[in-house]
């Protein structure tokens, strides 16, 4: 949840104030809207939300990698931070999903044993 909020804050700050594509801000700030959609599902610990966030985050990772090599400072540093946040978010989602599946298997095994 914190990394998702971090990506949203970074995207807004980056495109509106820190290193916008155009002076005064750009419409690229709207790229954070897809990250706002899963916030409710993440708060409710919905497995489906974690699964699709772990896939969608790769779009932001790709943008970060491309802009890290194609942009100049401070944009490339912000892109590096975006890549780092994406990796942390992916690992967190993956660990959460694995733990939930493992706990579900344990509960199912306990329910079937007499």
N, C-alpha and C. Protein backbone atom coordinates (compact mmCIF):
# COMPACT_ATOMS: atom_id res chain seq x y z
N UNK A 1 0.83 -1.19 0.00
CA UNK A 1 0.00 0.00 0.00
C UNK A 1 0.87 1.26 0.00
N UNK A 2 1.90 1.25 0.83
CA UNK A 2 2.77 2.43 0.93
C UNK A 2 3.52 2.67 -0.38
N UNK A 3 3.95 1.60 -1.04
CA UNK A 3 4.67 1.79 -2.30
C UNK A 3 3.74 2.28 -3.40
N UNK A 4 2.49 1.85 -3.37
CA UNK A 4 1.52 2.35 -4.35
C UNK A 4 1.30 3.85 -4.14
N UNK A 5 1.14 4.25 -2.89
CA UNK A 5 0.99 5.68 -2.59
C UNK A 5 2.27 6.44 -2.95
N UNK A 6 3.41 5.80 -2.74
CA UNK A 6 4.68 6.42 -3.12
C UNK A 6 4.79 6.63 -4.62
N UNK A 7 4.35 5.64 -5.40
CA UNK A 7 4.35 5.79 -6.86
C UNK A 7 3.40 6.88 -7.31
N UNK A 8 2.25 6.99 -6.66
CA UNK A 8 1.30 8.05 -7.00
C UNK A 8 1.90 9.42 -6.70
N UNK A 9 2.45 9.56 -5.50
CA UNK A 9 3.05 10.84 -5.10
C UNK A 9 4.23 11.20 -6.01
N UNK A 10 5.07 10.22 -6.31
CA UNK A 10 6.21 10.47 -7.18
C UNK A 10 5.76 10.89 -8.57
N UNK A 11 4.78 10.19 -9.12
CA UNK A 11 4.29 10.52 -10.46
C UNK A 11 3.72 11.93 -10.53
N UNK A 12 2.96 12.31 -9.53
CA UNK A 12 2.38 13.65 -9.51
C UNK A 12 3.46 14.72 -9.34
N UNK A 13 4.34 14.51 -8.36
CA UNK A 13 5.40 15.49 -8.12
C UNK A 13 6.32 15.61 -9.33
N UNK A 14 6.64 14.50 -9.93
CA UNK A 14 7.55 14.47 -11.07
C UNK A 14 6.97 15.25 -12.25
N UNK A 15 5.73 14.97 -12.60
CA UNK A 15 5.15 15.56 -13.80
C UNK A 15 4.57 16.96 -13.58
N UNK A 16 4.34 17.34 -12.34
CA UNK A 16 3.77 18.67 -12.09
C UNK A 16 4.80 19.68 -11.60
N UNK A 17 5.85 19.23 -10.90
CA UNK A 17 6.75 20.21 -10.29
C UNK A 17 8.24 19.89 -10.46
N UNK A 18 8.66 18.67 -10.18
CA UNK A 18 10.09 18.39 -10.10
C UNK A 18 10.80 18.38 -11.44
N UNK A 19 10.27 17.67 -12.43
CA UNK A 19 10.91 17.60 -13.75
C UNK A 19 9.86 17.33 -14.81
N UNK A 20 8.92 18.26 -14.99
CA UNK A 20 7.86 18.02 -15.98
C UNK A 20 8.40 18.03 -17.41
N UNK A 21 7.70 17.35 -18.29
CA UNK A 21 8.09 17.32 -19.70
C UNK A 21 7.99 18.72 -20.30
N UNK A 22 6.94 19.46 -19.89
CA UNK A 22 6.76 20.85 -20.33
C UNK A 22 6.81 21.75 -19.10
N UNK A 23 7.35 22.93 -19.23
CA UNK A 23 7.35 23.86 -18.09
C UNK A 23 5.93 24.13 -17.59
N UNK A 24 5.76 24.10 -16.29
CA UNK A 24 4.45 24.36 -15.69
C UNK A 24 3.63 23.11 -15.48
N UNK A 25 4.17 21.94 -15.82
CA UNK A 25 3.45 20.69 -15.63
C UNK A 25 2.98 20.10 -16.95
N UNK A 26 2.60 18.83 -16.91
CA UNK A 26 2.16 18.19 -18.14
C UNK A 26 1.01 17.23 -17.84
N UNK A 27 0.36 16.84 -18.91
CA UNK A 27 -0.75 15.90 -18.80
C UNK A 27 -0.28 14.50 -18.42
N UNK A 28 1.02 14.26 -18.46
CA UNK A 28 1.54 12.96 -18.07
C UNK A 28 1.27 12.65 -16.59
N UNK A 29 0.87 13.65 -15.84
CA UNK A 29 0.51 13.42 -14.44
C UNK A 29 -0.69 12.48 -14.34
N UNK A 30 -1.47 12.39 -15.39
CA UNK A 30 -2.63 11.50 -15.39
C UNK A 30 -2.24 10.03 -15.39
N UNK A 31 -0.96 9.74 -15.60
CA UNK A 31 -0.51 8.35 -15.60
C UNK A 31 -0.70 7.68 -14.24
N UNK A 32 -0.89 8.46 -13.19
CA UNK A 32 -1.07 7.88 -11.86
C UNK A 32 -2.51 7.42 -11.61
N UNK A 33 -3.44 7.79 -12.45
CA UNK A 33 -4.83 7.39 -12.24
C UNK A 33 -5.03 5.88 -12.15
N UNK A 34 -4.41 5.08 -13.01
CA UNK A 34 -4.58 3.63 -12.86
C UNK A 34 -4.08 3.10 -11.51
N UNK A 35 -3.14 3.80 -10.89
CA UNK A 35 -2.66 3.37 -9.58
C UNK A 35 -3.64 3.70 -8.46
N UNK A 36 -4.55 4.63 -8.71
CA UNK A 36 -5.55 4.99 -7.70
C UNK A 36 -6.68 3.96 -7.63
N UNK A 37 -6.91 3.26 -8.73
CA UNK A 37 -8.00 2.29 -8.79
C UNK A 37 -7.86 1.17 -7.76
N UNK A 38 -6.68 0.57 -7.58
CA UNK A 38 -6.59 -0.57 -6.67
C UNK A 38 -6.49 -0.22 -5.19
N UNK A 39 -6.49 1.05 -4.83
CA UNK A 39 -6.28 1.41 -3.42
C UNK A 39 -7.31 0.77 -2.49
N UNK A 40 -8.58 0.78 -2.87
CA UNK A 40 -9.62 0.19 -2.02
C UNK A 40 -9.42 -1.32 -1.88
N UNK A 41 -9.09 -1.99 -2.98
CA UNK A 41 -8.85 -3.43 -2.93
C UNK A 41 -7.63 -3.80 -2.11
N UNK A 42 -6.60 -2.96 -2.16
CA UNK A 42 -5.41 -3.21 -1.35
C UNK A 42 -5.72 -3.03 0.14
N UNK A 43 -6.55 -2.04 0.45
CA UNK A 43 -6.94 -1.85 1.85
C UNK A 43 -7.76 -3.02 2.38
N UNK A 44 -8.55 -3.64 1.50
CA UNK A 44 -9.40 -4.76 1.91
C UNK A 44 -8.70 -6.11 1.74
N UNK A 45 -7.42 -6.08 1.37
CA UNK A 45 -6.61 -7.29 1.19
C UNK A 45 -7.23 -8.28 0.22
N UNK A 46 -7.72 -7.78 -0.90
CA UNK A 46 -8.31 -8.65 -1.92
C UNK A 46 -7.20 -9.26 -2.78
N UNK A 47 -7.21 -10.56 -2.84
CA UNK A 47 -6.18 -11.30 -3.57
C UNK A 47 -6.15 -10.89 -5.05
N UNK A 48 -7.31 -10.75 -5.65
CA UNK A 48 -7.39 -10.39 -7.07
C UNK A 48 -6.69 -9.06 -7.32
N UNK A 49 -6.87 -8.11 -6.43
CA UNK A 49 -6.24 -6.79 -6.58
C UNK A 49 -4.73 -6.92 -6.53
N UNK A 50 -4.22 -7.68 -5.58
CA UNK A 50 -2.77 -7.88 -5.50
C UNK A 50 -2.22 -8.53 -6.76
N UNK A 51 -2.99 -9.45 -7.31
CA UNK A 51 -2.53 -10.14 -8.52
C UNK A 51 -2.43 -9.18 -9.70
N UNK A 52 -3.46 -8.38 -9.92
CA UNK A 52 -3.39 -7.51 -11.10
C UNK A 52 -2.46 -6.33 -10.89
N UNK A 53 -2.29 -5.87 -9.65
CA UNK A 53 -1.32 -4.80 -9.40
C UNK A 53 0.09 -5.31 -9.69
N UNK A 54 0.36 -6.58 -9.36
CA UNK A 54 1.69 -7.12 -9.64
C UNK A 54 1.97 -7.20 -11.13
N UNK A 55 0.93 -7.19 -11.96
CA UNK A 55 1.12 -7.17 -13.42
C UNK A 55 1.18 -5.74 -13.96
N UNK A 56 0.32 -4.87 -13.46
CA UNK A 56 0.26 -3.49 -13.95
C UNK A 56 1.52 -2.72 -13.60
N UNK A 57 2.15 -3.06 -12.50
CA UNK A 57 3.33 -2.33 -12.05
C UNK A 57 4.47 -2.40 -13.08
N UNK A 58 4.46 -3.43 -13.93
CA UNK A 58 5.52 -3.55 -14.94
C UNK A 58 5.42 -2.46 -16.01
N UNK A 59 4.25 -1.89 -16.22
CA UNK A 59 4.13 -0.76 -17.14
C UNK A 59 4.89 0.45 -16.59
N UNK A 60 4.76 0.69 -15.30
CA UNK A 60 5.47 1.80 -14.66
C UNK A 60 6.98 1.51 -14.59
N UNK A 61 7.32 0.25 -14.37
CA UNK A 61 8.73 -0.14 -14.37
C UNK A 61 9.35 0.15 -15.73
N UNK A 62 8.66 -0.22 -16.81
CA UNK A 62 9.16 0.01 -18.16
C UNK A 62 9.33 1.50 -18.44
N UNK A 63 8.34 2.29 -18.03
CA UNK A 63 8.46 3.74 -18.20
C UNK A 63 9.68 4.27 -17.45
N UNK A 64 9.88 3.79 -16.23
CA UNK A 64 11.02 4.24 -15.44
C UNK A 64 12.35 3.89 -16.07
N UNK A 65 12.46 2.68 -16.60
CA UNK A 65 13.71 2.26 -17.24
C UNK A 65 13.98 3.10 -18.48
N UNK A 66 12.96 3.31 -19.30
CA UNK A 66 13.14 4.09 -20.52
C UNK A 66 13.53 5.52 -20.20
N UNK A 67 12.85 6.12 -19.24
CA UNK A 67 13.15 7.51 -18.90
C UNK A 67 14.45 7.66 -18.13
N UNK A 68 14.89 6.61 -17.42
CA UNK A 68 16.17 6.68 -16.71
C UNK A 68 17.33 6.78 -17.71
N UNK A 69 17.21 6.11 -18.85
CA UNK A 69 18.27 6.16 -19.85
C UNK A 69 18.08 7.28 -20.86
N UNK A 70 16.86 7.75 -21.03
CA UNK A 70 16.62 8.73 -22.06
C UNK A 70 16.45 10.15 -21.57
N UNK A 71 16.41 10.35 -20.29
CA UNK A 71 16.17 11.67 -19.72
C UNK A 71 17.46 12.17 -19.10
N UNK A 72 17.49 13.43 -18.75
CA UNK A 72 18.65 13.98 -18.04
C UNK A 72 18.20 14.37 -16.62
N UNK A 73 19.17 14.68 -15.78
CA UNK A 73 18.89 14.99 -14.38
C UNK A 73 17.93 16.17 -14.29
N UNK A 74 17.03 16.21 -13.36
CA UNK A 74 16.72 15.24 -12.32
C UNK A 74 15.75 14.16 -12.75
N UNK A 75 15.31 14.20 -14.01
CA UNK A 75 14.34 13.21 -14.49
C UNK A 75 14.85 11.79 -14.43
N UNK A 76 16.13 11.58 -14.73
CA UNK A 76 16.65 10.22 -14.69
C UNK A 76 16.73 9.69 -13.26
N UNK A 77 16.98 10.56 -12.30
CA UNK A 77 17.00 10.14 -10.90
C UNK A 77 15.59 9.79 -10.42
N UNK A 78 14.63 10.57 -10.84
CA UNK A 78 13.23 10.27 -10.49
C UNK A 78 12.78 8.97 -11.14
N UNK A 79 13.25 8.73 -12.36
CA UNK A 79 12.93 7.48 -13.04
C UNK A 79 13.55 6.29 -12.31
N UNK A 80 14.77 6.46 -11.82
CA UNK A 80 15.40 5.41 -11.02
C UNK A 80 14.63 5.11 -9.76
N UNK A 81 14.12 6.16 -9.12
CA UNK A 81 13.29 5.98 -7.92
C UNK A 81 12.00 5.25 -8.28
N UNK A 82 11.43 5.58 -9.44
CA UNK A 82 10.22 4.88 -9.89
C UNK A 82 10.50 3.40 -10.10
N UNK A 83 11.62 3.07 -10.70
CA UNK A 83 12.00 1.68 -10.91
C UNK A 83 12.13 0.96 -9.57
N UNK A 84 12.79 1.59 -8.63
CA UNK A 84 12.97 1.00 -7.30
C UNK A 84 11.62 0.76 -6.62
N UNK A 85 10.74 1.75 -6.65
CA UNK A 85 9.41 1.58 -6.04
C UNK A 85 8.61 0.47 -6.73
N UNK A 86 8.74 0.37 -8.04
CA UNK A 86 8.04 -0.70 -8.77
C UNK A 86 8.55 -2.08 -8.35
N UNK A 87 9.85 -2.20 -8.21
CA UNK A 87 10.40 -3.49 -7.78
C UNK A 87 9.95 -3.86 -6.38
N UNK A 88 9.94 -2.88 -5.48
CA UNK A 88 9.49 -3.13 -4.10
C UNK A 88 8.01 -3.52 -4.11
N UNK A 89 7.20 -2.82 -4.89
CA UNK A 89 5.78 -3.14 -4.96
C UNK A 89 5.55 -4.54 -5.53
N UNK A 90 6.29 -4.90 -6.57
CA UNK A 90 6.13 -6.24 -7.15
C UNK A 90 6.51 -7.32 -6.15
N UNK A 91 7.64 -7.15 -5.47
CA UNK A 91 8.08 -8.15 -4.49
C UNK A 91 7.06 -8.24 -3.35
N UNK A 92 6.56 -7.11 -2.88
CA UNK A 92 5.59 -7.13 -1.79
C UNK A 92 4.30 -7.84 -2.20
N UNK A 93 3.83 -7.57 -3.40
CA UNK A 93 2.61 -8.25 -3.90
C UNK A 93 2.85 -9.74 -4.02
N UNK A 94 4.00 -10.12 -4.57
CA UNK A 94 4.31 -11.53 -4.76
C UNK A 94 4.41 -12.27 -3.43
N UNK A 95 5.08 -11.67 -2.47
CA UNK A 95 5.21 -12.30 -1.15
C UNK A 95 3.84 -12.43 -0.50
N UNK A 96 3.02 -11.39 -0.58
CA UNK A 96 1.69 -11.44 0.01
C UNK A 96 0.85 -12.55 -0.63
N UNK A 97 0.89 -12.66 -1.95
CA UNK A 97 0.11 -13.68 -2.65
C UNK A 97 0.57 -15.07 -2.24
N UNK A 98 1.87 -15.28 -2.19
CA UNK A 98 2.39 -16.60 -1.80
C UNK A 98 2.00 -16.95 -0.37
N UNK A 99 2.10 -15.99 0.53
CA UNK A 99 1.72 -16.27 1.92
C UNK A 99 0.24 -16.59 2.04
N UNK A 100 -0.60 -15.87 1.31
CA UNK A 100 -2.04 -16.14 1.35
C UNK A 100 -2.36 -17.51 0.79
N UNK A 101 -1.71 -17.88 -0.31
CA UNK A 101 -1.96 -19.20 -0.89
C UNK A 101 -1.48 -20.31 0.02
N UNK A 102 -0.33 -20.09 0.66
CA UNK A 102 0.19 -21.09 1.58
C UNK A 102 -0.74 -21.25 2.78
N UNK A 103 -1.23 -20.14 3.31
CA UNK A 103 -2.17 -20.20 4.44
C UNK A 103 -3.47 -20.88 4.04
N UNK A 104 -3.92 -20.65 2.82
CA UNK A 104 -5.13 -21.30 2.33
C UNK A 104 -4.96 -22.79 2.23
N UNK A 105 -3.78 -23.26 1.78
CA UNK A 105 -3.51 -24.69 1.70
C UNK A 105 -3.48 -25.32 3.07
N UNK A 106 -2.88 -24.62 4.04
CA UNK A 106 -2.82 -25.15 5.41
C UNK A 106 -4.23 -25.27 5.98
N UNK A 107 -5.06 -24.25 5.78
CA UNK A 107 -6.44 -24.31 6.27
C UNK A 107 -7.23 -25.42 5.59
N UNK A 108 -7.01 -25.61 4.31
CA UNK A 108 -7.71 -26.68 3.60
C UNK A 108 -7.27 -28.04 4.08
N UNK A 109 -5.98 -28.19 4.37
CA UNK A 109 -5.48 -29.46 4.88
C UNK A 109 -6.02 -29.75 6.27
N UNK A 110 -6.12 -28.73 7.10
CA UNK A 110 -6.66 -28.90 8.45
C UNK A 110 -8.15 -29.25 8.41
N UNK A 111 -8.85 -28.70 7.45
CA UNK A 111 -10.28 -28.96 7.33
C UNK A 111 -10.57 -30.38 6.87
N UNK A 112 -9.67 -30.98 6.10
CA UNK A 112 -9.90 -32.33 5.57
C UNK A 112 -9.44 -33.43 6.52
N UNK A 113 -8.56 -33.10 7.47
CA UNK A 113 -8.10 -34.12 8.41
C UNK A 113 -9.11 -34.29 9.53
N UNK A 114 -9.41 -35.56 9.87
CA UNK A 114 -10.42 -35.81 10.91
C UNK A 114 -9.97 -35.50 12.30
